[in-house]
Amino acid sequence: MIHSSDLLEFTPMDKAGNLRRSGASQVVAGDMRGQDQGIALGSPLYQEVKRKLIDSLRGGEWKPADVIPSEKQLAARYGVSIGTVRKAVDEMVAEKLLVRHQGRGTYVVSHSNQRQFFYFFRIVGADGTRQVPSVELLHFARTKADATQAARLGVTPGARLISFVNKLSIAGAPAVIDEIAVSEALFPELTQQSLRERPNTIYHFYQERFGISVVRIEEQISAVTADAFHAETLGLAQGSPLLLIRRVAYTFRDQPVEYRNSYVNTKDHVYVCESGRAE
């Protein structure tokens, strides 16, 4: 069962069983005037402006929830027309990297609000009700990457990882088990205590504590049956049907930063994927 949306891209498996990156979207010919201010030749000009804007986000020049310079200021900075800047910004708004606030400016998207949270958390009640889950940390360990984890996270097999398991409950009922692995090199100071005491969502925690913004995810969905651990944790009979969601989360420039397996109790909850909805 495959779905796609603005933020969630589902890609096929290669022969080794690894997720294959989807190719870059085709771009139409753009404004090709004046390639100065470090703008490279060979690409539509707005794409080069977008690349520079993303580099500034990745480098921390503008942090989540910061307002970026005006289109006029950016046009002067890169030596291009306002229309070229606007096209680059429009695309970044569509990709949920930036958000426009009427009369206030354009801001870097932050994971600190509920609206952004539901771009990534797609488990809802069978009646469509959306609720922020409560989270219980069940397990935390420093481990070494197996072949699958290494391929998903772009590290070598045996690289040091931090692995942890969360139980997510909705309206007091266990709904999801998240088994998450991240590279210790990217999250060197991640501890069991900091995870347990984080005041907000996991992606907001990555963003605020480690300067890592998740901007895109890829997911693969399959049906499985509950083993003894998943059944007991979710309060089900062993062998009950579960939805398994394999996710890779990416920061800027398609750098993978998290690999997770989510086991979802579908008795009272469903997975919802929305595509093409106007903002």
C-alpha atoms as a PDB file:
ATOM      1  CA  MET A   1       0.000   0.000   0.000  1.00  0.00           C
ATOM      2  CA  ILE A   2       1.731   3.131  -1.231  1.00  0.00           C
ATOM      3  CA  HIS A   3       0.745   6.744  -0.715  1.00  0.00           C
ATOM      4  CA  SER A   4       2.464  10.028  -1.439  1.00  0.00           C
ATOM      5  CA  SER A   5       2.128  13.588  -0.227  1.00  0.00           C
ATOM      6  CA  ASP A   6       4.007  16.865  -0.136  1.00  0.00           C
ATOM      7  CA  LEU A   7       6.131  15.773   2.795  1.00  0.00           C
ATOM      8  CA  LEU A   8       5.899  11.996   2.644  1.00  0.00           C
ATOM      9  CA  GLU A   9       7.505  10.330  -0.327  1.00  0.00           C
ATOM     10  CA  PHE A  10       7.257   6.561  -0.693  1.00  0.00           C
ATOM     11  CA  THR A  11      10.014   4.992  -2.776  1.00  0.00           C
ATOM     12  CA  PRO A  12      10.558   1.485  -4.125  1.00  0.00           C
ATOM     13  CA  MET A  13      13.107  -1.002  -2.811  1.00  0.00           C
ATOM     14  CA  ASP A  14      16.273  -1.971  -4.639  1.00  0.00           C
ATOM     15  CA  LYS A  15      17.424  -5.576  -4.941  1.00  0.00           C
ATOM     16  CA  ALA A  16      19.196  -5.375  -1.587  1.00  0.00           C
ATOM     17  CA  GLY A  17      16.006  -4.279   0.114  1.00  0.00           C
ATOM     18  CA  ASN A  18      17.037  -0.653   0.627  1.00  0.00           C
ATOM     19  CA  LEU A  19      14.977   2.448   0.013  1.00  0.00           C
ATOM     20  CA  ARG A  20      15.925   4.120  -3.252  1.00  0.00           C
ATOM     21  CA  ARG A  21      15.997   7.896  -3.317  1.00  0.00           C
ATOM     22  CA  SER A  22      13.509   9.405  -5.708  1.00  0.00           C
ATOM     23  CA  GLY A  23      15.036  11.570  -8.390  1.00  0.00           C
ATOM     24  CA  ALA A  24      14.874  15.318  -8.212  1.00  0.00           C
ATOM     25  CA  SER A  25      11.705  16.780  -9.615  1.00  0.00           C
ATOM     26  CA  GLN A  26      11.879  18.063 -13.151  1.00  0.00           C
ATOM     27  CA  VAL A  27      12.241  21.830 -13.318  1.00  0.00           C
ATOM     28  CA  VAL A  28      11.058  24.122 -16.033  1.00  0.00           C
ATOM     29  CA  ALA A  29      13.240  26.669 -17.713  1.00  0.00           C
ATOM     30  CA  GLY A  30      13.532  29.741 -15.531  1.00  0.00           C
ATOM     31  CA  ASP A  31      14.980  33.190 -15.532  1.00  0.00           C
ATOM     32  CA  MET A  32      18.578  32.690 -16.686  1.00  0.00           C
ATOM     33  CA  ARG A  33      19.778  36.258 -16.352  1.00  0.00           C
ATOM     34  CA  GLY A  34      22.949  37.495 -14.594  1.00  0.00           C
ATOM     35  CA  GLN A  35      24.639  34.541 -12.893  1.00  0.00           C
ATOM     36  CA  ASP A  36      26.569  36.589 -10.329  1.00  0.00           C
ATOM     37  CA  GLN A  37      26.836  36.558  -6.528  1.00  0.00           C
ATOM     38  CA  GLY A  38      28.077  32.946  -6.590  1.00  0.00           C
ATOM     39  CA  ILE A  39      25.128  31.660  -8.601  1.00  0.00           C
ATOM     40  CA  ALA A  40      26.237  28.700 -10.711  1.00  0.00           C
ATOM     41  CA  LEU A  41      25.572  28.200 -14.398  1.00  0.00           C
ATOM     42  CA  GLY A  42      23.587  25.294 -15.773  1.00  0.00           C
ATOM     43  CA  SER A  43      20.409  25.425 -13.685  1.00  0.00           C
ATOM     44  CA  PRO A  44      17.301  27.590 -13.731  1.00  0.00           C
ATOM     45  CA  LEU A  45      18.217  30.701 -11.789  1.00  0.00           C
ATOM     46  CA  TYR A  46      15.470  30.350  -9.179  1.00  0.00           C
ATOM     47  CA  GLN A  47      16.748  26.854  -8.360  1.00  0.00           C
ATOM     48  CA  GLU A  48      20.192  28.284  -7.665  1.00  0.00           C
ATOM     49  CA  VAL A  49      18.664  30.938  -5.418  1.00  0.00           C
ATOM     50  CA  LYS A  50      16.742  28.187  -3.638  1.00  0.00           C
ATOM     51  CA  ARG A  51      19.959  26.220  -3.183  1.00  0.00           C
ATOM     52  CA  LYS A  52      21.624  29.216  -1.547  1.00  0.00           C
ATOM     53  CA  LEU A  53      18.630  29.805   0.712  1.00  0.00           C
ATOM     54  CA  ILE A  54      18.707  26.171   1.822  1.00  0.00           C
ATOM     55  CA  ASP A  55      22.449  26.426   2.460  1.00  0.00           C
ATOM     56  CA  SER A  56      21.738  29.405   4.729  1.00  0.00           C
ATOM     57  CA  LEU A  57      19.097  27.411   6.595  1.00  0.00           C
ATOM     58  CA  ARG A  58      21.370  24.412   6.909  1.00  0.00           C
ATOM     59  CA  GLY A  59      24.241  26.589   8.111  1.00  0.00           C
ATOM     60  CA  GLY A  60      22.097  28.159  10.815  1.00  0.00           C
ATOM     61  CA  GLU A  61      22.055  31.704   9.440  1.00  0.00           C
ATOM     62  CA  TRP A  62      18.268  31.647   9.945  1.00  0.00           C
ATOM     63  CA  LYS A  63      16.986  29.358  12.636  1.00  0.00           C
ATOM     64  CA  PRO A  64      13.513  27.796  13.001  1.00  0.00           C
ATOM     65  CA  ALA A  65      10.849  30.469  13.615  1.00  0.00           C
ATOM     66  CA  ASP A  66      13.221  33.244  12.380  1.00  0.00           C
ATOM     67  CA  VAL A  67      11.969  35.664   9.757  1.00  0.00           C
ATOM     68  CA  ILE A  68      14.120  35.660   6.617  1.00  0.00           C
ATOM     69  CA  PRO A  69      15.051  38.847   4.722  1.00  0.00           C
ATOM     70  CA  SER A  70      12.458  40.379   2.419  1.00  0.00           C
ATOM     71  CA  GLU A  71      12.291  39.391  -1.232  1.00  0.00           C
ATOM     72  CA  LYS A  72      13.749  42.785  -2.137  1.00  0.00           C
ATOM     73  CA  GLN A  73      16.704  42.246   0.207  1.00  0.00           C
ATOM     74  CA  LEU A  74      17.283  38.738  -1.098  1.00  0.00           C
ATOM     75  CA  ALA A  75      17.120  39.937  -4.703  1.00  0.00           C
ATOM     76  CA  ALA A  76      19.840  42.492  -3.939  1.00  0.00           C
ATOM     77  CA  ARG A  77      21.887  39.914  -2.067  1.00  0.00           C
ATOM     78  CA  TYR A  78      21.912  37.433  -4.953  1.00  0.00           C
ATOM     79  CA  GLY A  79      21.843  39.941  -7.814  1.00  0.00           C
ATOM     80  CA  VAL A  80      18.605  38.625  -9.305  1.00  0.00           C
ATOM     81  CA  SER A  81      15.090  39.884  -9.890  1.00  0.00           C
ATOM     82  CA  ILE A  82      12.415  39.880  -7.184  1.00  0.00           C
ATOM     83  CA  GLY A  83      10.401  37.525  -9.385  1.00  0.00           C
ATOM     84  CA  THR A  84      13.239  35.002  -9.343  1.00  0.00           C
ATOM     85  CA  VAL A  85      13.466  35.186  -5.545  1.00  0.00           C
ATOM     86  CA  ARG A  86       9.705  34.865  -5.233  1.00  0.00           C
ATOM     87  CA  LYS A  87       9.701  31.701  -7.339  1.00  0.00           C
ATOM     88  CA  ALA A  88      12.408  30.150  -5.129  1.00  0.00           C
ATOM     89  CA  VAL A  89      10.584  31.145  -1.946  1.00  0.00           C
ATOM     90  CA  ASP A  90       7.247  29.888  -3.326  1.00  0.00           C
ATOM     91  CA  GLU A  91       8.775  26.471  -3.904  1.00  0.00           C
ATOM     92  CA  MET A  92      10.240  26.387  -0.395  1.00  0.00           C
ATOM     93  CA  VAL A  93       6.871  27.361   1.070  1.00  0.00           C
ATOM     94  CA  ALA A  94       5.243  24.527  -0.899  1.00  0.00           C
ATOM     95  CA  GLU A  95       7.860  22.139   0.510  1.00  0.00           C
ATOM     96  CA  LYS A  96       7.105  23.342   4.063  1.00  0.00           C
ATOM     97  CA  LEU A  97      10.616  24.734   4.596  1.00  0.00           C
ATOM     98  CA  LEU A  98       9.256  28.263   4.937  1.00  0.00           C
ATOM     99  CA  VAL A  99       5.886  29.686   5.916  1.00  0.00           C
ATOM    100  CA  ARG A 100       4.388  33.059   5.004  1.00  0.00           C
ATOM    101  CA  HIS A 101       2.513  35.123   7.588  1.00  0.00           C
ATOM    102  CA  GLN A 102       0.428  37.828   5.956  1.00  0.00           C
ATOM    103  CA  GLY A 103       1.761  41.262   6.818  1.00  0.00           C
ATOM    104  CA  ARG A 104       4.607  39.872   8.936  1.00  0.00           C
ATOM    105  CA  GLY A 105       6.988  38.197   6.489  1.00  0.00           C
ATOM    106  CA  THR A 106       8.308  34.759   5.656  1.00  0.00           C
ATOM    107  CA  TYR A 107       9.548  32.510   8.454  1.00  0.00           C
ATOM    108  CA  VAL A 108      11.576  29.345   8.777  1.00  0.00           C
ATOM    109  CA  VAL A 109       9.236  26.492   9.650  1.00  0.00           C
ATOM    110  CA  SER A 110       9.467  25.307  13.235  1.00  0.00           C
ATOM    111  CA  HIS A 111       8.353  21.991  14.721  1.00  0.00           C
ATOM    112  CA  SER A 112       7.162  23.788  17.830  1.00  0.00           C
ATOM    113  CA  ASN A 113       3.519  24.066  16.832  1.00  0.00           C
ATOM    114  CA  GLN A 114       0.766  21.465  16.575  1.00  0.00           C
ATOM    115  CA  ARG A 115       0.026  22.209  12.921  1.00  0.00           C
ATOM    116  CA  GLN A 116       3.568  21.271  11.917  1.00  0.00           C
ATOM    117  CA  PHE A 117       3.474  18.184  14.147  1.00  0.00           C
ATOM    118  CA  PHE A 118       0.590  16.679  12.173  1.00  0.00           C
ATOM    119  CA  TYR A 119       2.541  16.940   8.915  1.00  0.00           C
ATOM    120  CA  PHE A 120       4.617  14.054  10.263  1.00  0.00           C
ATOM    121  CA  PHE A 121       2.272  12.270  12.675  1.00  0.00           C
ATOM    122  CA  ARG A 122      -0.468  10.718  10.535  1.00  0.00           C
ATOM    123  CA  ILE A 123      -2.151   8.381  13.002  1.00  0.00           C
ATOM    124  CA  VAL A 124      -5.691   9.526  13.782  1.00  0.00           C
ATOM    125  CA  GLY A 125      -8.835   8.082  15.304  1.00  0.00           C
ATOM    126  CA  ALA A 126     -11.061   5.978  13.083  1.00  0.00           C
ATOM    127  CA  ASP A 127     -13.447   8.952  13.000  1.00  0.00           C
ATOM    128  CA  GLY A 128     -10.646  11.270  11.830  1.00  0.00           C
ATOM    129  CA  THR A 129     -10.049  12.876  15.230  1.00  0.00           C
ATOM    130  CA  ARG A 130      -6.505  14.178  15.625  1.00  0.00           C
ATOM    131  CA  GLN A 131      -4.892  14.103  19.047  1.00  0.00           C
ATOM    132  CA  VAL A 132      -1.328  14.697  20.185  1.00  0.00           C
ATOM    133  CA  PRO A 133      -0.172  11.448  21.807  1.00  0.00           C
ATOM    134  CA  SER A 134       1.448  11.019  25.191  1.00  0.00           C
ATOM    135  CA  VAL A 135       4.889   9.397  24.982  1.00  0.00           C
ATOM    136  CA  GLU A 136       6.567   6.884  27.284  1.00  0.00           C
ATOM    137  CA  LEU A 137      10.249   5.988  26.788  1.00  0.00           C
ATOM    138  CA  LEU A 138      10.565   2.213  27.135  1.00  0.00           C
ATOM    139  CA  HIS A 139      14.172   1.538  26.159  1.00  0.00           C
ATOM    140  CA  PHE A 140      17.406   3.443  25.465  1.00  0.00           C
ATOM    141  CA  ALA A 141      20.784   2.062  24.377  1.00  0.00           C
ATOM    142  CA  ARG A 142      23.946   2.823  22.455  1.00  0.00           C
ATOM    143  CA  THR A 143      24.279   0.235  19.718  1.00  0.00           C
ATOM    144  CA  LYS A 144      26.079  -0.503  16.465  1.00  0.00           C
ATOM    145  CA  ALA A 145      24.423  -0.159  13.060  1.00  0.00           C
ATOM    146  CA  ASP A 146      23.323  -3.329  11.357  1.00  0.00           C
ATOM    147  CA  ALA A 147      23.209  -3.500   7.559  1.00  0.00           C
ATOM    148  CA  THR A 148      19.663  -2.148   7.282  1.00  0.00           C
ATOM    149  CA  GLN A 149      20.223   0.726   9.712  1.00  0.00           C
ATOM    150  CA  ALA A 150      23.514   1.622   8.022  1.00  0.00           C
ATOM    151  CA  ALA A 151      21.873   1.774   4.588  1.00  0.00           C
ATOM    152  CA  ARG A 152      18.975   3.909   5.826  1.00  0.00           C
ATOM    153  CA  LEU A 153      21.133   6.324   7.816  1.00  0.00           C
ATOM    154  CA  GLY A 154      23.995   6.580   5.335  1.00  0.00           C
ATOM    155  CA  VAL A 155      26.604   5.280   7.791  1.00  0.00           C
ATOM    156  CA  THR A 156      28.941   2.299   7.698  1.00  0.00           C
ATOM    157  CA  PRO A 157      27.848  -1.004   9.255  1.00  0.00           C
ATOM    158  CA  GLY A 158      29.026  -1.050  12.834  1.00  0.00           C
ATOM    159  CA  ALA A 159      28.836   2.746  13.222  1.00  0.00           C
ATOM    160  CA  ARG A 160      27.720   3.882  16.660  1.00  0.00           C
ATOM    161  CA  LEU A 161      24.016   4.559  16.970  1.00  0.00           C
ATOM    162  CA  ILE A 162      21.608   5.610  19.671  1.00  0.00           C
ATOM    163  CA  SER A 163      18.510   3.426  19.679  1.00  0.00           C
ATOM    164  CA  PHE A 164      15.369   3.979  21.710  1.00  0.00           C
ATOM    165  CA  VAL A 165      11.788   2.768  21.883  1.00  0.00           C
ATOM    166  CA  ASN A 166       8.748   4.945  22.620  1.00  0.00           C
ATOM    167  CA  LYS A 167       5.182   3.910  23.346  1.00  0.00           C
ATOM    168  CA  LEU A 168       2.641   6.457  22.091  1.00  0.00           C
ATOM    169  CA  SER A 169      -0.800   6.502  23.664  1.00  0.00           C
ATOM    170  CA  ILE A 170      -3.807   8.372  22.332  1.00  0.00           C
ATOM    171  CA  ALA A 171      -6.636   9.194  24.724  1.00  0.00           C
ATOM    172  CA  GLY A 172      -4.949   6.914  27.250  1.00  0.00           C
ATOM    173  CA  ALA A 173      -4.879   3.856  24.984  1.00  0.00           C
ATOM    174  CA  PRO A 174      -1.586   2.450  23.582  1.00  0.00           C
ATOM    175  CA  ALA A 175      -1.585   3.091  19.850  1.00  0.00           C
ATOM    176  CA  VAL A 176       1.966   3.095  18.448  1.00  0.00           C
ATOM    177  CA  ILE A 177       5.388   1.682  19.263  1.00  0.00           C
ATOM    178  CA  ASP A 178       8.241   3.687  17.709  1.00  0.00           C
ATOM    179  CA  GLU A 179      11.631   1.964  17.410  1.00  0.00           C
ATOM    180  CA  ILE A 180      14.058   4.742  16.508  1.00  0.00           C
ATOM    181  CA  ALA A 181      17.754   4.821  15.602  1.00  0.00           C
ATOM    182  CA  VAL A 182      19.943   7.899  15.065  1.00  0.00           C
ATOM    183  CA  SER A 183      23.652   8.357  14.477  1.00  0.00           C
ATOM    184  CA  GLU A 184      25.635   9.093  17.630  1.00  0.00           C
ATOM    185  CA  ALA A 185      27.853  11.374  15.522  1.00  0.00           C
ATOM    186  CA  LEU A 186      24.860  13.676  14.864  1.00  0.00           C
ATOM    187  CA  PHE A 187      23.416  13.422  18.387  1.00  0.00           C
ATOM    188  CA  PRO A 188      26.502  13.064  20.609  1.00  0.00           C
ATOM    189  CA  GLU A 189      24.904  14.404  23.782  1.00  0.00           C
ATOM    190  CA  LEU A 190      21.587  12.581  23.463  1.00  0.00           C
ATOM    191  CA  THR A 191      20.822  10.851  26.760  1.00  0.00           C
ATOM    192  CA  GLN A 192      17.999   8.821  28.218  1.00  0.00           C
ATOM    193  CA  GLN A 193      17.250  11.628  30.667  1.00  0.00           C
ATOM    194  CA  SER A 194      17.115  14.344  27.998  1.00  0.00           C
ATOM    195  CA  LEU A 195      14.776  12.211  25.893  1.00  0.00           C
ATOM    196  CA  ARG A 196      12.523  11.454  28.829  1.00  0.00           C
ATOM    197  CA  GLU A 197      12.368  15.081  29.968  1.00  0.00           C
ATOM    198  CA  ARG A 198      12.005  16.776  26.578  1.00  0.00           C
ATOM    199  CA  PRO A 199       9.157  19.303  26.715  1.00  0.00           C
ATOM    200  CA  ASN A 200       7.965  18.997  23.133  1.00  0.00           C
ATOM    201  CA  THR A 201       7.849  16.695  20.102  1.00  0.00           C
ATOM    202  CA  ILE A 202      10.851  14.604  19.137  1.00  0.00           C
ATOM    203  CA  TYR A 203      11.522  16.659  15.993  1.00  0.00           C
ATOM    204  CA  HIS A 204      11.314  19.897  17.951  1.00  0.00           C
ATOM    205  CA  PHE A 205      13.798  18.337  20.386  1.00  0.00           C
ATOM    206  CA  TYR A 206      16.178  17.500  17.520  1.00  0.00           C
ATOM    207  CA  GLN A 207      15.802  21.052  16.251  1.00  0.00           C
ATOM    208  CA  GLU A 208      16.295  22.921  19.517  1.00  0.00           C
ATOM    209  CA  ARG A 209      18.899  20.697  21.187  1.00  0.00           C
ATOM    210  CA  PHE A 210      20.998  19.621  18.212  1.00  0.00           C
ATOM    211  CA  GLY A 211      20.227  22.146  15.458  1.00  0.00           C
ATOM    212  CA  ILE A 212      18.857  19.406  13.180  1.00  0.00           C
ATOM    213  CA  SER A 213      15.619  20.212  11.358  1.00  0.00           C
ATOM    214  CA  VAL A 214      13.653  17.370   9.804  1.00  0.00           C
ATOM    215  CA  VAL A 215      12.300  18.730   6.527  1.00  0.00           C
ATOM    216  CA  ARG A 216      11.210  15.580   4.699  1.00  0.00           C
ATOM    217  CA  ILE A 217      10.402  11.957   5.384  1.00  0.00           C
ATOM    218  CA  GLU A 218      10.090   8.813   3.313  1.00  0.00           C
ATOM    219  CA  GLU A 219       7.862   6.011   4.504  1.00  0.00           C
ATOM    220  CA  GLN A 220       7.105   2.464   3.461  1.00  0.00           C
ATOM    221  CA  ILE A 221       3.976   0.728   4.763  1.00  0.00           C
ATOM    222  CA  SER A 222       3.236  -2.963   5.224  1.00  0.00           C
ATOM    223  CA  ALA A 223       0.944  -5.224   7.250  1.00  0.00           C
ATOM    224  CA  VAL A 224       2.459  -7.446   9.965  1.00  0.00           C
ATOM    225  CA  THR A 225       1.291  -9.447  12.962  1.00  0.00           C
ATOM    226  CA  ALA A 226       2.179  -8.622  16.553  1.00  0.00           C
ATOM    227  CA  ASP A 227       4.980 -10.585  18.195  1.00  0.00           C
ATOM    228  CA  ALA A 228       5.023 -11.113  21.956  1.00  0.00           C
ATOM    229  CA  PHE A 229       6.641  -7.751  22.783  1.00  0.00           C
ATOM    230  CA  HIS A 230       4.445  -5.612  20.518  1.00  0.00           C
ATOM    231  CA  ALA A 231       1.302  -7.461  21.560  1.00  0.00           C
ATOM    232  CA  GLU A 232       1.966  -7.046  25.280  1.00  0.00           C
ATOM    233  CA  THR A 233       2.978  -3.377  24.951  1.00  0.00           C
ATOM    234  CA  LEU A 234      -0.085  -2.500  22.880  1.00  0.00           C
ATOM    235  CA  GLY A 235      -2.467  -4.625  24.956  1.00  0.00           C
ATOM    236  CA  LEU A 236      -3.299  -7.011  22.115  1.00  0.00           C
ATOM    237  CA  ALA A 237      -3.331 -10.739  21.549  1.00  0.00           C
ATOM    238  CA  GLN A 238      -0.181 -12.102  19.960  1.00  0.00           C
ATOM    239  CA  GLY A 239      -0.691 -12.395  16.204  1.00  0.00           C
ATOM    240  CA  SER A 240      -3.045  -9.397  16.027  1.00  0.00           C
ATOM    241  CA  PRO A 241      -2.715  -7.308  12.848  1.00  0.00           C
ATOM    242  CA  LEU A 242      -0.487  -4.234  12.999  1.00  0.00           C
ATOM    243  CA  LEU A 243       0.523  -1.575  10.504  1.00  0.00           C
ATOM    244  CA  LEU A 244       4.309  -1.301  10.136  1.00  0.00           C
ATOM    245  CA  ILE A 245       5.619   2.066   8.923  1.00  0.00           C
ATOM    246  CA  ARG A 246       9.323   2.207   8.059  1.00  0.00           C
ATOM    247  CA  ARG A 247      10.482   5.824   8.016  1.00  0.00           C
ATOM    248  CA  VAL A 248      13.657   7.674   7.092  1.00  0.00           C
ATOM    249  CA  ALA A 249      13.717  11.336   8.153  1.00  0.00           C
ATOM    250  CA  TYR A 250      15.903  13.807   6.287  1.00  0.00           C
ATOM    251  CA  THR A 251      17.306  17.220   7.005  1.00  0.00           C
ATOM    252  CA  PHE A 252      18.495  19.664   4.339  1.00  0.00           C
ATOM    253  CA  ARG A 253      20.290  18.315   1.245  1.00  0.00           C
ATOM    254  CA  ASP A 254      18.660  14.911   1.762  1.00  0.00           C
ATOM    255  CA  GLN A 255      20.890  13.963   4.677  1.00  0.00           C
ATOM    256  CA  PRO A 256      19.246  11.096   6.594  1.00  0.00           C
ATOM    257  CA  VAL A 257      19.082  11.740  10.337  1.00  0.00           C
ATOM    258  CA  GLU A 258      16.629   9.174  11.723  1.00  0.00           C
ATOM    259  CA  TYR A 259      15.413   5.669  10.917  1.00  0.00           C
ATOM    260  CA  ARG A 260      12.324   4.355  12.672  1.00  0.00           C
ATOM    261  CA  ASN A 261       9.917   1.453  12.594  1.00  0.00           C
ATOM    262  CA  SER A 262       6.432   2.329  13.856  1.00  0.00           C
ATOM    263  CA  TYR A 263       4.036  -0.455  14.824  1.00  0.00           C
ATOM    264  CA  VAL A 264       0.461   0.828  14.827  1.00  0.00           C
ATOM    265  CA  ASN A 265      -2.559  -0.739  16.511  1.00  0.00           C
ATOM    266  CA  THR A 266      -5.244  -0.286  13.861  1.00  0.00           C
ATOM    267  CA  LYS A 267      -8.140  -1.406  16.050  1.00  0.00           C
ATOM    268  CA  ASP A 268      -9.132   2.188  16.831  1.00  0.00           C
ATOM    269  CA  HIS A 269      -6.726   4.220  14.669  1.00  0.00           C
ATOM    270  CA  VAL A 270      -5.897   4.672  11.001  1.00  0.00           C
ATOM    271  CA  TYR A 271      -3.070   6.139   8.966  1.00  0.00           C
ATOM    272  CA  VAL A 272      -4.085   9.257   7.028  1.00  0.00           C
ATOM    273  CA  CYS A 273      -2.136  10.710   4.112  1.00  0.00           C
ATOM    274  CA  GLU A 274      -3.246  13.976   2.536  1.00  0.00           C
ATOM    275  CA  SER A 275      -2.030  15.260  -0.807  1.00  0.00           C
ATOM    276  CA  GLY A 276      -2.614  18.444  -2.732  1.00  0.00           C
ATOM    277  CA  ARG A 277      -4.548  20.302  -0.044  1.00  0.00           C
ATOM    278  CA  ALA A 278      -4.407  24.069  -0.463  1.00  0.00           C
ATOM    279  CA  GLU A 279      -2.923  25.966   2.488  1.00  0.00           C
END
